[in-house]
Amino acid sequence: MLNNDIFRRLRYTFDWSDQEMIKIFSLAEAEVELPKIHAWLKKEDAEGFQSMHDIHLARFLNGFIVQKRGRKEGPLPTPEKQLNNNLILRKLKIALELKDDDLIEVLKKADFRISKPELSAFFRKPDHKHFRLAKDQVLRNFIFGLQLTNKPNSQ
């Protein structure tokens, strides 16, 4: 899944204004100007589209965690230079304070069934023998389930 697509879907799901998105970046100590946000929100074939790098999405998700949970003492976590679906799921899970059962329920709303062991495999360390990479469809359905949770009439 493209970072831009995730960024767009999250904006729609949580109904963020331009200023709220700038504020979320600032919570992660990142300065992002409005034209850059607009370029990231454009569709791939639109004029002015810019690809969103992993580090920018990581900063945004870190800011989302701070927005939802408050800032912890000490330095902010360093944004990852490379993201995968597992890390994105983990950051959303942390920000929204979701337990495994909550994640399963959100996925169920999107008609995506997953067992607890399958889900826990996404949150294991990569060198664990039961670790699994989350595919795009898992992340896509999770964000869609969040959308259905936050905007029940958006289907």
Protein backbone atom coordinates (compact mmCIF):
# COMPACT_ATOMS: atom_id res chain seq x y z
CA MET A 1 0.00 0.00 0.00
CA LEU A 2 1.34 3.42 -0.86
CA ASN A 3 2.09 5.77 2.03
CA ASN A 4 0.05 8.46 0.27
CA ASP A 5 -2.97 6.15 0.16
CA ILE A 6 -2.64 5.39 3.89
CA PHE A 7 -2.26 9.11 4.62
CA ARG A 8 -5.39 9.94 2.56
CA ARG A 9 -7.46 7.17 4.14
CA LEU A 10 -6.47 8.18 7.67
CA ARG A 11 -7.38 11.79 6.96
CA TYR A 12 -10.80 10.75 5.73
CA THR A 13 -11.33 8.26 8.58
CA PHE A 14 -10.55 10.76 11.32
CA ASP A 15 -11.89 13.82 9.48
CA TRP A 16 -8.72 15.87 9.98
CA SER A 17 -8.47 19.40 8.65
CA ASP A 18 -5.27 20.72 7.07
CA GLN A 19 -4.39 22.51 10.31
CA GLU A 20 -4.97 19.38 12.40
CA MET A 21 -2.62 17.44 10.14
CA ILE A 22 0.07 20.13 10.48
CA LYS A 23 -0.42 19.98 14.27
CA ILE A 24 -0.04 16.18 14.30
CA PHE A 25 3.28 16.53 12.47
CA SER A 26 4.37 19.22 14.95
CA LEU A 27 3.63 16.88 17.87
CA ALA A 28 6.38 14.68 16.42
CA GLU A 29 8.62 17.75 16.14
CA ALA A 30 8.33 17.81 12.36
CA GLU A 31 7.57 20.96 10.40
CA VAL A 32 5.49 20.32 7.32
CA GLU A 33 4.01 23.06 5.19
CA LEU A 34 0.48 22.95 3.82
CA PRO A 35 1.52 22.68 0.12
CA LYS A 36 3.49 19.52 0.98
CA ILE A 37 0.45 17.97 2.71
CA HIS A 38 -1.71 18.83 -0.31
CA ALA A 39 0.86 17.22 -2.64
CA TRP A 40 0.82 14.03 -0.53
CA LEU A 41 -2.98 13.93 -0.50
CA LYS A 42 -3.31 14.09 -4.29
CA LYS A 43 -3.99 10.98 -6.33
CA GLU A 44 -1.01 9.42 -8.09
CA ASP A 45 -2.05 10.67 -11.52
CA ALA A 46 -2.87 14.23 -10.40
CA GLU A 47 -0.62 17.15 -11.24
CA GLY A 48 1.56 18.13 -8.28
CA PHE A 49 1.44 14.66 -6.66
CA GLN A 50 4.47 13.88 -4.49
CA SER A 51 5.29 10.48 -3.10
CA MET A 52 5.33 10.37 0.69
CA HIS A 53 8.52 8.80 2.03
CA ASP A 54 8.42 6.32 4.90
CA ILE A 55 10.08 8.70 7.33
CA HIS A 56 7.32 11.30 6.81
CA LEU A 57 4.55 8.78 7.43
CA ALA A 58 6.45 7.49 10.48
CA ARG A 59 6.67 11.04 11.84
CA PHE A 60 2.98 11.57 11.22
CA LEU A 61 2.04 8.32 12.98
CA ASN A 62 4.35 9.20 15.89
CA GLY A 63 2.55 12.56 16.14
CA PHE A 64 -0.78 10.73 16.06
CA ILE A 65 0.36 8.60 19.01
CA VAL A 66 1.32 11.76 20.94
CA GLN A 67 -2.03 13.39 20.04
CA LYS A 68 -4.06 10.43 21.27
CA ARG A 69 -1.98 9.24 24.24
CA GLY A 70 -0.04 12.31 25.31
CA ARG A 71 3.67 12.89 25.25
CA LYS A 72 5.91 10.67 27.34
CA GLU A 73 8.85 12.04 29.26
CA GLY A 74 12.15 12.01 27.44
CA PRO A 75 12.91 12.24 23.75
CA LEU A 76 10.40 11.30 21.10
CA PRO A 77 10.91 7.97 19.32
CA THR A 78 13.09 8.21 16.26
CA PRO A 79 10.97 7.88 13.11
CA GLU A 80 11.71 4.78 11.10
CA LYS A 81 13.38 5.30 7.74
CA GLN A 82 11.67 2.18 6.42
CA LEU A 83 8.10 1.22 7.25
CA ASN A 84 6.17 -1.93 6.57
CA ASN A 85 2.53 -2.79 7.18
CA ASN A 86 3.38 -4.40 10.52
CA LEU A 87 4.92 -1.18 11.87
CA ILE A 88 2.02 0.91 10.59
CA LEU A 89 -0.48 -1.45 12.24
CA ARG A 90 1.52 -1.32 15.48
CA LYS A 91 1.59 2.49 15.50
CA LEU A 92 -2.15 2.71 14.85
CA LYS A 93 -2.79 0.09 17.53
CA ILE A 94 -0.74 2.10 20.04
CA ALA A 95 -2.30 5.44 19.13
CA LEU A 96 -5.84 4.11 19.41
CA GLU A 97 -5.04 2.00 22.50
CA LEU A 98 -6.45 -1.12 20.88
CA LYS A 99 -6.09 -4.62 22.28
CA ASP A 100 -5.95 -7.69 20.04
CA ASP A 101 -9.69 -8.30 20.47
CA ASP A 102 -10.38 -4.69 19.46
CA LEU A 103 -8.28 -5.12 16.31
CA ILE A 104 -10.14 -8.30 15.44
CA GLU A 105 -13.47 -6.47 15.87
CA VAL A 106 -12.33 -3.58 13.66
CA LEU A 107 -11.28 -6.06 10.96
CA LYS A 108 -14.62 -7.90 11.32
CA LYS A 109 -16.45 -4.67 10.51
CA ALA A 110 -14.65 -4.73 7.16
CA ASP A 111 -15.66 -8.39 6.66
CA PHE A 112 -12.09 -9.54 7.20
CA ARG A 113 -11.74 -12.52 9.53
CA ILE A 114 -8.51 -13.19 11.35
CA SER A 115 -7.68 -15.32 14.38
CA LYS A 116 -5.82 -14.10 17.45
CA PRO A 117 -2.70 -16.21 16.66
CA GLU A 118 -2.63 -14.88 13.08
CA LEU A 119 -2.90 -11.34 14.40
CA SER A 120 -0.24 -11.79 17.08
CA ALA A 121 2.18 -13.02 14.41
CA PHE A 122 2.17 -9.48 12.95
CA PHE A 123 3.39 -8.00 16.25
CA ARG A 124 6.23 -10.43 16.94
CA LYS A 125 9.88 -9.59 16.42
CA PRO A 126 10.97 -10.23 12.82
CA ASP A 127 13.43 -12.95 13.88
CA HIS A 128 10.72 -14.92 15.77
CA LYS A 129 9.79 -18.18 14.04
CA HIS A 130 6.06 -17.28 14.02
CA PHE A 131 6.52 -13.72 12.71
CA ARG A 132 4.47 -12.91 9.59
CA LEU A 133 4.46 -9.85 7.38
CA ALA A 134 1.08 -8.16 7.18
CA LYS A 135 -0.07 -7.93 3.58
CA ASP A 136 -1.67 -4.84 2.08
CA GLN A 137 -5.15 -6.34 2.34
CA VAL A 138 -4.82 -6.59 6.14
CA LEU A 139 -3.82 -2.94 6.49
CA ARG A 140 -6.41 -1.81 3.92
CA ASN A 141 -9.20 -3.69 5.70
CA PHE A 142 -8.07 -2.43 9.10
CA ILE A 143 -8.21 1.19 7.96
CA PHE A 144 -11.58 0.52 6.30
CA GLY A 145 -12.82 -1.02 9.57
CA LEU A 146 -11.64 2.10 11.43
CA GLN A 147 -13.54 4.18 8.89
CA LEU A 148 -16.70 2.16 9.50
CA THR A 149 -16.19 2.55 13.25
CA ASN A 150 -15.71 6.35 13.08
CA LYS A 151 -18.11 7.03 10.21
CA PRO A 152 -20.75 4.29 10.29
CA ASN A 153 -22.65 5.70 7.30
CA SER A 154 -19.59 5.96 5.02
CA GLN A 155 -19.95 2.60 3.32
